PDB file of N, CA and C in Angstrom:
ATOM      1  N   MET A   1      36.085  30.272 -45.653  1.00  0.00           N
ATOM      2  CA  MET A   1      34.887  29.440 -45.607  1.00  0.00           C
ATOM      3  C   MET A   1      33.909  30.069 -44.621  1.00  0.00           C
ATOM      4  N   SER A   2      32.638  30.072 -45.020  1.00  0.00           N
ATOM      5  CA  SER A   2      31.646  30.719 -44.154  1.00  0.00           C
ATOM      6  C   SER A   2      31.386  29.904 -42.895  1.00  0.00           C
ATOM      7  N   THR A   3      30.949  30.596 -41.889  1.00  0.00           N
ATOM      8  CA  THR A   3      30.624  29.950 -40.620  1.00  0.00           C
ATOM      9  C   THR A   3      29.501  28.940 -40.806  1.00  0.00           C
ATOM     10  N   MET A   4      28.491  29.261 -41.616  1.00  0.00           N
ATOM     11  CA  MET A   4      27.377  28.338 -41.825  1.00  0.00           C
ATOM     12  C   MET A   4      27.845  27.067 -42.525  1.00  0.00           C
ATOM     13  N   ILE A   5      28.734  27.188 -43.484  1.00  0.00           N
ATOM     14  CA  ILE A   5      29.259  25.993 -44.145  1.00  0.00           C
ATOM     15  C   ILE A   5      29.976  25.115 -43.133  1.00  0.00           C
ATOM     16  N   GLU A   6      30.732  25.730 -42.245  1.00  0.00           N
ATOM     17  CA  GLU A   6      31.425  24.956 -41.215  1.00  0.00           C
ATOM     18  C   GLU A   6      30.429  24.285 -40.267  1.00  0.00           C
ATOM     19  N   GLN A   7      29.363  24.979 -39.908  1.00  0.00           N
ATOM     20  CA  GLN A   7      28.330  24.386 -39.052  1.00  0.00           C
ATOM     21  C   GLN A   7      27.651  23.202 -39.755  1.00  0.00           C
ATOM     22  N   ILE A   8      27.361  23.364 -41.037  1.00  0.00           N
ATOM     23  CA  ILE A   8      26.757  22.264 -41.800  1.00  0.00           C
ATOM     24  C   ILE A   8      27.707  21.076 -41.814  1.00  0.00           C
ATOM     25  N   ARG A   9      28.988  21.345 -42.093  1.00  0.00           N
ATOM     26  CA  ARG A   9      29.998  20.277 -42.122  1.00  0.00           C
ATOM     27  C   ARG A   9      30.060  19.536 -40.779  1.00  0.00           C
ATOM     28  N   GLN A  10      30.037  20.269 -39.677  1.00  0.00           N
ATOM     29  CA  GLN A  10      30.087  19.649 -38.346  1.00  0.00           C
ATOM     30  C   GLN A  10      28.842  18.806 -38.073  1.00  0.00           C
ATOM     31  N   ARG A  11      27.675  19.331 -38.454  1.00  0.00           N
ATOM     32  CA  ARG A  11      26.428  18.595 -38.218  1.00  0.00           C
ATOM     33  C   ARG A  11      26.351  17.310 -39.041  1.00  0.00           C
ATOM     34  N   LEU A  12      26.969  17.321 -40.217  1.00  0.00           N
ATOM     35  CA  LEU A  12      26.929  16.144 -41.079  1.00  0.00           C
ATOM     36  C   LEU A  12      28.026  15.132 -40.760  1.00  0.00           C
ATOM     37  N   ALA A  13      28.958  15.478 -39.876  1.00  0.00           N
ATOM     38  CA  ALA A  13      30.072  14.594 -39.525  1.00  0.00           C
ATOM     39  C   ALA A  13      29.616  13.198 -39.085  1.00  0.00           C
ATOM     40  N   PRO A  14      28.522  13.051 -38.304  1.00  0.00           N
ATOM     41  CA  PRO A  14      28.101  11.707 -37.904  1.00  0.00           C
ATOM     42  C   PRO A  14      27.704  10.791 -39.071  1.00  0.00           C
ATOM     43  N   LEU A  15      27.467  11.361 -40.238  1.00  0.00           N
ATOM     44  CA  LEU A  15      27.108  10.536 -41.396  1.00  0.00           C
ATOM     45  C   LEU A  15      28.349   9.940 -42.070  1.00  0.00           C
ATOM     46  N   ALA A  16      29.510  10.240 -41.534  1.00  0.00           N
ATOM     47  CA  ALA A  16      30.783   9.657 -41.981  1.00  0.00           C
ATOM     48  C   ALA A  16      30.946   9.735 -43.496  1.00  0.00           C
ATOM     49  N   ALA A  17      30.845  10.922 -44.015  1.00  0.00           N
ATOM     50  CA  ALA A  17      30.943  11.125 -45.461  1.00  0.00           C
ATOM     51  C   ALA A  17      32.337  10.791 -45.978  1.00  0.00           C
ATOM     52  N   GLU A  18      32.369  10.070 -47.072  1.00  0.00           N
ATOM     53  CA  GLU A  18      33.631   9.824 -47.771  1.00  0.00           C
ATOM     54  C   GLU A  18      33.954  11.016 -48.660  1.00  0.00           C
ATOM     55  N   HIS A  19      32.915  11.741 -49.026  1.00  0.00           N
ATOM     56  CA  HIS A  19      33.076  12.948 -49.826  1.00  0.00           C
ATOM     57  C   HIS A  19      31.950  13.901 -49.445  1.00  0.00           C
ATOM     58  N   LEU A  20      32.292  15.165 -49.241  1.00  0.00           N
ATOM     59  CA  LEU A  20      31.299  16.169 -48.867  1.00  0.00           C
ATOM     60  C   LEU A  20      31.649  17.497 -49.511  1.00  0.00           C
ATOM     61  N   ASP A  21      30.748  17.981 -50.365  1.00  0.00           N
ATOM     62  CA  ASP A  21      30.895  19.304 -50.974  1.00  0.00           C
ATOM     63  C   ASP A  21      29.718  20.147 -50.524  1.00  0.00           C
ATOM     64  N   ILE A  22      30.012  21.333 -50.021  1.00  0.00           N
ATOM     65  CA  ILE A  22      28.963  22.276 -49.614  1.00  0.00           C
ATOM     66  C   ILE A  22      29.222  23.579 -50.335  1.00  0.00           C
ATOM     67  N   GLU A  23      28.240  24.022 -51.084  1.00  0.00           N
ATOM     68  CA  GLU A  23      28.351  25.244 -51.867  1.00  0.00           C
ATOM     69  C   GLU A  23      27.340  26.264 -51.367  1.00  0.00           C
ATOM     70  N   ASP A  24      27.792  27.461 -51.098  1.00  0.00           N
ATOM     71  CA  ASP A  24      26.902  28.550 -50.702  1.00  0.00           C
ATOM     72  C   ASP A  24      26.452  29.271 -51.963  1.00  0.00           C
ATOM     73  N   ASP A  25      25.167  29.142 -52.264  1.00  0.00           N
ATOM     74  CA  ASP A  25      24.593  29.728 -53.473  1.00  0.00           C
ATOM     75  C   ASP A  25      23.745  30.953 -53.133  1.00  0.00           C
ATOM     76  N   SER A  26      23.926  31.499 -51.947  1.00  0.00           N
ATOM     77  CA  SER A  26      23.089  32.596 -51.455  1.00  0.00           C
ATOM     78  C   SER A  26      23.175  33.847 -52.319  1.00  0.00           C
ATOM     79  N   ALA A  27      24.340  34.146 -52.840  1.00  0.00           N
ATOM     80  CA  ALA A  27      24.505  35.372 -53.627  1.00  0.00           C
ATOM     81  C   ALA A  27      23.599  35.380 -54.853  1.00  0.00           C
ATOM     82  N   ALA A  28      23.318  34.209 -55.397  1.00  0.00           N
ATOM     83  CA  ALA A  28      22.456  34.116 -56.578  1.00  0.00           C
ATOM     84  C   ALA A  28      20.997  34.387 -56.238  1.00  0.00           C
ATOM     85  N   HIS A  29      20.680  34.420 -54.956  1.00  0.00           N
ATOM     86  CA  HIS A  29      19.297  34.613 -54.515  1.00  0.00           C
ATOM     87  C   HIS A  29      19.101  35.910 -53.741  1.00  0.00           C
ATOM     88  N   ALA A  30      20.047  36.804 -53.820  1.00  0.00           N
ATOM     89  CA  ALA A  30      19.951  38.087 -53.119  1.00  0.00           C
ATOM     90  C   ALA A  30      18.678  38.813 -53.536  1.00  0.00           C
ATOM     91  N   GLY A  31      17.995  39.352 -52.563  1.00  0.00           N
ATOM     92  CA  GLY A  31      16.763  40.080 -52.821  1.00  0.00           C
ATOM     93  C   GLY A  31      15.521  39.214 -52.767  1.00  0.00           C
ATOM     94  N   HIS A  32      15.696  37.910 -52.772  1.00  0.00           N
ATOM     95  CA  HIS A  32      14.572  36.978 -52.666  1.00  0.00           C
ATOM     96  C   HIS A  32      13.971  37.117 -51.277  1.00  0.00           C
ATOM     97  N   ALA A  33      12.669  37.296 -51.182  1.00  0.00           N
ATOM     98  CA  ALA A  33      11.990  37.614 -49.918  1.00  0.00           C
ATOM     99  C   ALA A  33      12.346  36.652 -48.791  1.00  0.00           C
ATOM    100  N   GLY A  34      12.380  35.372 -49.043  1.00  0.00           N
ATOM    101  CA  GLY A  34      12.665  34.408 -47.985  1.00  0.00           C
ATOM    102  C   GLY A  34      14.126  34.274 -47.646  1.00  0.00           C
ATOM    103  N   ALA A  35      14.989  34.800 -48.479  1.00  0.00           N
ATOM    104  CA  ALA A  35      16.433  34.621 -48.287  1.00  0.00           C
ATOM    105  C   ALA A  35      16.958  35.321 -47.042  1.00  0.00           C
ATOM    106  N   ALA A  36      16.225  36.294 -46.528  1.00  0.00           N
ATOM    107  CA  ALA A  36      16.680  37.000 -45.334  1.00  0.00           C
ATOM    108  C   ALA A  36      16.731  36.080 -44.121  1.00  0.00           C
ATOM    109  N   GLY A  37      15.968  34.986 -44.153  1.00  0.00           N
ATOM    110  CA  GLY A  37      15.920  34.058 -43.030  1.00  0.00           C
ATOM    111  C   GLY A  37      17.019  33.021 -43.038  1.00  0.00           C
ATOM    112  N   GLY A  38      17.846  32.989 -44.047  1.00  0.00           N
ATOM    113  CA  GLY A  38      18.916  32.010 -44.109  1.00  0.00           C
ATOM    114  C   GLY A  38      19.458  31.893 -45.517  1.00  0.00           C
ATOM    115  N   GLY A  39      20.496  31.086 -45.667  1.00  0.00           N
ATOM    116  CA  GLY A  39      21.172  30.966 -46.948  1.00  0.00           C
ATOM    117  C   GLY A  39      20.659  29.837 -47.810  1.00  0.00           C
ATOM    118  N   HIS A  40      21.145  29.809 -49.041  1.00  0.00           N
ATOM    119  CA  HIS A  40      20.838  28.771 -50.019  1.00  0.00           C
ATOM    120  C   HIS A  40      22.110  27.935 -50.198  1.00  0.00           C
ATOM    121  N   TYR A  41      21.985  26.634 -50.043  1.00  0.00           N
ATOM    122  CA  TYR A  41      23.149  25.764 -50.093  1.00  0.00           C
ATOM    123  C   TYR A  41      22.896  24.553 -50.983  1.00  0.00           C
ATOM    124  N   ASN A  42      23.957  24.107 -51.648  1.00  0.00           N
ATOM    125  CA  ASN A  42      23.962  22.873 -52.423  1.00  0.00           C
ATOM    126  C   ASN A  42      24.905  21.916 -51.698  1.00  0.00           C
ATOM    127  N   VAL A  43      24.427  20.699 -51.428  1.00  0.00           N
ATOM    128  CA  VAL A  43      25.234  19.719 -50.709  1.00  0.00           C
ATOM    129  C   VAL A  43      25.309  18.428 -51.513  1.00  0.00           C
ATOM    130  N   LEU A  44      26.520  17.953 -51.722  1.00  0.00           N
ATOM    131  CA  LEU A  44      26.772  16.633 -52.279  1.00  0.00           C
ATOM    132  C   LEU A  44      27.446  15.838 -51.176  1.00  0.00           C
ATOM    133  N   ILE A  45      26.815  14.737 -50.780  1.00  0.00           N
ATOM    134  CA  ILE A  45      27.389  13.909 -49.726  1.00  0.00           C
ATOM    135  C   ILE A  45      27.394  12.452 -50.180  1.00  0.00           C
ATOM    136  N   VAL A  46      28.550  11.823 -50.040  1.00  0.00           N
ATOM    137  CA  VAL A  46      28.726  10.413 -50.390  1.00  0.00           C
ATOM    138  C   VAL A  46      29.071   9.683 -49.103  1.00  0.00           C
ATOM    139  N   SER A  47      28.239   8.707 -48.737  1.00  0.00           N
ATOM    140  CA  SER A  47      28.457   7.978 -47.491  1.00  0.00           C
ATOM    141  C   SER A  47      27.912   6.560 -47.604  1.00  0.00           C
ATOM    142  N   SER A  48      28.640   5.618 -47.040  1.00  0.00           N
ATOM    143  CA  SER A  48      28.169   4.230 -47.040  1.00  0.00           C
ATOM    144  C   SER A  48      26.990   4.043 -46.088  1.00  0.00           C
ATOM    145  N   CYS A  49      26.731   5.014 -45.207  1.00  0.00           N
ATOM    146  CA  CYS A  49      25.578   4.890 -44.309  1.00  0.00           C
ATOM    147  C   CYS A  49      24.254   5.014 -45.089  1.00  0.00           C
ATOM    148  N   PHE A  50      24.327   5.432 -46.354  1.00  0.00           N
ATOM    149  CA  PHE A  50      23.141   5.519 -47.202  1.00  0.00           C
ATOM    150  C   PHE A  50      22.827   4.192 -47.899  1.00  0.00           C
ATOM    151  N   ASN A  51      23.713   3.209 -47.774  1.00  0.00           N
ATOM    152  CA  ASN A  51      23.495   1.915 -48.427  1.00  0.00           C
ATOM    153  C   ASN A  51      22.133   1.342 -48.063  1.00  0.00           C
ATOM    154  N   GLY A  52      21.407   0.899 -49.082  1.00  0.00           N
ATOM    155  CA  GLY A  52      20.118   0.257 -48.867  1.00  0.00           C
ATOM    156  C   GLY A  52      18.972   1.213 -48.542  1.00  0.00           C
ATOM    157  N   LYS A  53      19.241   2.510 -48.538  1.00  0.00           N
ATOM    158  CA  LYS A  53      18.218   3.509 -48.185  1.00  0.00           C
ATOM    159  C   LYS A  53      17.699   4.181 -49.455  1.00  0.00           C
ATOM    160  N   SER A  54      16.422   4.521 -49.437  1.00  0.00           N
ATOM    161  CA  SER A  54      15.829   5.256 -50.552  1.00  0.00           C
ATOM    162  C   SER A  54      16.354   6.691 -50.556  1.00  0.00           C
ATOM    163  N   ARG A  55      16.130   7.369 -51.668  1.00  0.00           N
ATOM    164  CA  ARG A  55      16.546   8.772 -51.769  1.00  0.00           C
ATOM    165  C   ARG A  55      15.894   9.612 -50.673  1.00  0.00           C
ATOM    166  N   VAL A  56      14.620   9.358 -50.417  1.00  0.00           N
ATOM    167  CA  VAL A  56      13.896  10.105 -49.384  1.00  0.00           C
ATOM    168  C   VAL A  56      14.476   9.815 -48.000  1.00  0.00           C
ATOM    169  N   ALA A  57      14.776   8.563 -47.716  1.00  0.00           N
ATOM    170  CA  ALA A  57      15.358   8.201 -46.417  1.00  0.00           C
ATOM    171  C   ALA A  57      16.730   8.843 -46.236  1.00  0.00           C
ATOM    172  N   ARG A  58      17.513   8.892 -47.300  1.00  0.00           N
ATOM    173  CA  ARG A  58      18.830   9.525 -47.232  1.00  0.00           C
ATOM    174  C   ARG A  58      18.689  11.013 -46.915  1.00  0.00           C
ATOM    175  N   GLN A  59      17.751  11.661 -47.591  1.00  0.00           N
ATOM    176  CA  GLN A  59      17.552  13.090 -47.357  1.00  0.00           C
ATOM    177  C   GLN A  59      17.046  13.351 -45.945  1.00  0.00           C
ATOM    178  N   ARG A  60      16.185  12.491 -45.433  1.00  0.00           N
ATOM    179  CA  ARG A  60      15.727  12.634 -44.040  1.00  0.00           C
ATOM    180  C   ARG A  60      16.885  12.544 -43.069  1.00  0.00           C
ATOM    181  N   MET A  61      17.840  11.644 -43.356  1.00  0.00           N
ATOM    182  CA  MET A  61      19.016  11.516 -42.491  1.00  0.00           C
ATOM    183  C   MET A  61      19.793  12.831 -42.454  1.00  0.00           C
ATOM    184  N   VAL A  62      19.929  13.473 -43.607  1.00  0.00           N
ATOM    185  CA  VAL A  62      20.644  14.754 -43.676  1.00  0.00           C
ATOM    186  C   VAL A  62      19.866  15.821 -42.917  1.00  0.00           C
ATOM    187  N   TYR A  63      18.553  15.918 -43.164  1.00  0.00           N
ATOM    188  CA  TYR A  63      17.732  16.920 -42.468  1.00  0.00           C
ATOM    189  C   TYR A  63      17.776  16.704 -40.951  1.00  0.00           C
ATOM    190  N   ASP A  64      17.715  15.441 -40.525  1.00  0.00           N
ATOM    191  CA  ASP A  64      17.797  15.151 -39.083  1.00  0.00           C
ATOM    192  C   ASP A  64      19.137  15.594 -38.509  1.00  0.00           C
ATOM    193  N   ALA A  65      20.212  15.350 -39.252  1.00  0.00           N
ATOM    194  CA  ALA A  65      21.544  15.740 -38.781  1.00  0.00           C
ATOM    195  C   ALA A  65      21.673  17.265 -38.685  1.00  0.00           C
ATOM    196  N   LEU A  66      21.054  17.975 -39.613  1.00  0.00           N
ATOM    197  CA  LEU A  66      21.143  19.440 -39.613  1.00  0.00           C
ATOM    198  C   LEU A  66      20.262  20.065 -38.541  1.00  0.00           C
ATOM    199  N   GLY A  67      19.198  19.380 -38.146  1.00  0.00           N
ATOM    200  CA  GLY A  67      18.348  19.827 -37.041  1.00  0.00           C
ATOM    201  C   GLY A  67      17.868  21.256 -37.187  1.00  0.00           C
ATOM    202  N   ASP A  68      18.100  22.065 -36.166  1.00  0.00           N
ATOM    203  CA  ASP A  68      17.576  23.431 -36.099  1.00  0.00           C
ATOM    204  C   ASP A  68      18.189  24.381 -37.132  1.00  0.00           C
ATOM    205  N   LEU A  69      19.288  23.982 -37.778  1.00  0.00           N
ATOM    206  CA  LEU A  69      19.843  24.842 -38.826  1.00  0.00           C
ATOM    207  C   LEU A  69      18.850  25.017 -39.974  1.00  0.00           C
ATOM    208  N   MET A  70      17.963  24.046 -40.128  1.00  0.00           N
ATOM    209  CA  MET A  70      16.959  24.131 -41.189  1.00  0.00           C
ATOM    210  C   MET A  70      15.940  25.237 -40.901  1.00  0.00           C
ATOM    211  N   GLN A  71      15.801  25.630 -39.661  1.00  0.00           N
ATOM    212  CA  GLN A  71      14.872  26.707 -39.311  1.00  0.00           C
ATOM    213  C   GLN A  71      15.572  28.042 -39.090  1.00  0.00           C
ATOM    214  N   THR A  72      16.874  28.006 -38.827  1.00  0.00           N
ATOM    215  CA  THR A  72      17.554  29.240 -38.444  1.00  0.00           C
ATOM    216  C   THR A  72      18.587  29.744 -39.434  1.00  0.00           C
ATOM    217  N   GLY A  73      19.320  28.884 -40.083  1.00  0.00           N
ATOM    218  CA  GLY A  73      20.405  29.351 -40.935  1.00  0.00           C
ATOM    219  C   GLY A  73      20.304  28.950 -42.386  1.00  0.00           C
ATOM    220  N   ILE A  74      19.417  27.995 -42.662  1.00  0.00           N
ATOM    221  CA  ILE A  74      19.280  27.490 -44.026  1.00  0.00           C
ATOM    222  C   ILE A  74      17.881  27.791 -44.525  1.00  0.00           C
ATOM    223  N   HIS A  75      17.806  28.531 -45.622  1.00  0.00           N
ATOM    224  CA  HIS A  75      16.510  28.827 -46.240  1.00  0.00           C
ATOM    225  C   HIS A  75      16.180  27.787 -47.307  1.00  0.00           C
ATOM    226  N   ALA A  76      17.182  27.385 -48.077  1.00  0.00           N
ATOM    227  CA  ALA A  76      16.986  26.413 -49.142  1.00  0.00           C
ATOM    228  C   ALA A  76      18.183  25.472 -49.189  1.00  0.00           C
ATOM    229  N   LEU A  77      17.897  24.193 -49.448  1.00  0.00           N
ATOM    230  CA  LEU A  77      18.945  23.184 -49.452  1.00  0.00           C
ATOM    231  C   LEU A  77      18.703  22.230 -50.618  1.00  0.00           C
ATOM    232  N   ALA A  78      19.664  22.172 -51.535  1.00  0.00           N
ATOM    233  CA  ALA A  78      19.612  21.210 -52.630  1.00  0.00           C
ATOM    234  C   ALA A  78      20.544  20.059 -52.247  1.00  0.00           C
ATOM    235  N   LEU A  79      20.015  18.848 -52.221  1.00  0.00           N
ATOM    236  CA  LEU A  79      20.773  17.696 -51.761  1.00  0.00           C
ATOM    237  C   LEU A  79      21.015  16.692 -52.872  1.00  0.00           C
ATOM    238  N   LYS A  80      22.222  16.148 -52.872  1.00  0.00           N
ATOM    239  CA  LYS A  80      22.547  15.000 -53.683  1.00  0.00           C
ATOM    240  C   LYS A  80      23.203  14.006 -52.716  1.00  0.00           C
ATOM    241  N   THR A  81      22.518  12.914 -52.431  1.00  0.00           N
ATOM    242  CA  THR A  81      22.983  11.938 -51.445  1.00  0.00           C
ATOM    243  C   THR A  81      23.302  10.631 -52.165  1.00  0.00           C
ATOM    244  N   LEU A  82      24.562  10.230 -52.118  1.00  0.00           N
ATOM    245  CA  LEU A  82      25.018   9.059 -52.854  1.00  0.00           C
ATOM    246  C   LEU A  82      25.757   8.085 -51.950  1.00  0.00           C
ATOM    247  N   THR A  83      25.779   6.823 -52.366  1.00  0.00           N
ATOM    248  CA  THR A  83      26.650   5.846 -51.735  1.00  0.00           C
ATOM    249  C   THR A  83      27.927   5.783 -52.566  1.00  0.00           C
ATOM    250  N   PRO A  84      29.002   5.211 -52.032  1.00  0.00           N
ATOM    251  CA  PRO A  84      30.235   5.092 -52.826  1.00  0.00           C
ATOM    252  C   PRO A  84      29.992   4.297 -54.117  1.00  0.00           C
ATOM    253  N   GLU A  85      29.063   3.358 -54.073  1.00  0.00           N
ATOM    254  CA  GLU A  85      28.758   2.563 -55.253  1.00  0.00           C
ATOM    255  C   GLU A  85      28.022   3.365 -56.316  1.00  0.00           C
ATOM    256  N   ASP A  86      27.365   4.448 -55.925  1.00  0.00           N
ATOM    257  CA  ASP A  86      26.622   5.282 -56.863  1.00  0.00           C
ATOM    258  C   ASP A  86      27.521   6.144 -57.748  1.00  0.00           C
ATOM    259  N   ILE A  87      28.763   6.329 -57.315  1.00  0.00           N
ATOM    260  CA  ILE A  87      29.635   7.235 -58.092  1.00  0.00           C
ATOM    261  C   ILE A  87      30.588   6.469 -58.986  1.00  0.00           C
TER     262      ILE A  87
END
């Protein structure tokens, strides 16, 4: 498992995910001009802390948890944020 995936997992721990999948999709973007600044990741997170929150609010919670990784290690992030009731 990559170090960045582990860092993402640690940063998202406060969201108490019941399910968390992190996929590194960087290889599919090799050579892309912006990719040199960080990787491309797909995240599926299921957490009851998203209950009653809009999709935008849920994504803000994830971005806030990731903090500076969004400027230093992550170039692109595809998010799917669900509650246990959504699945």
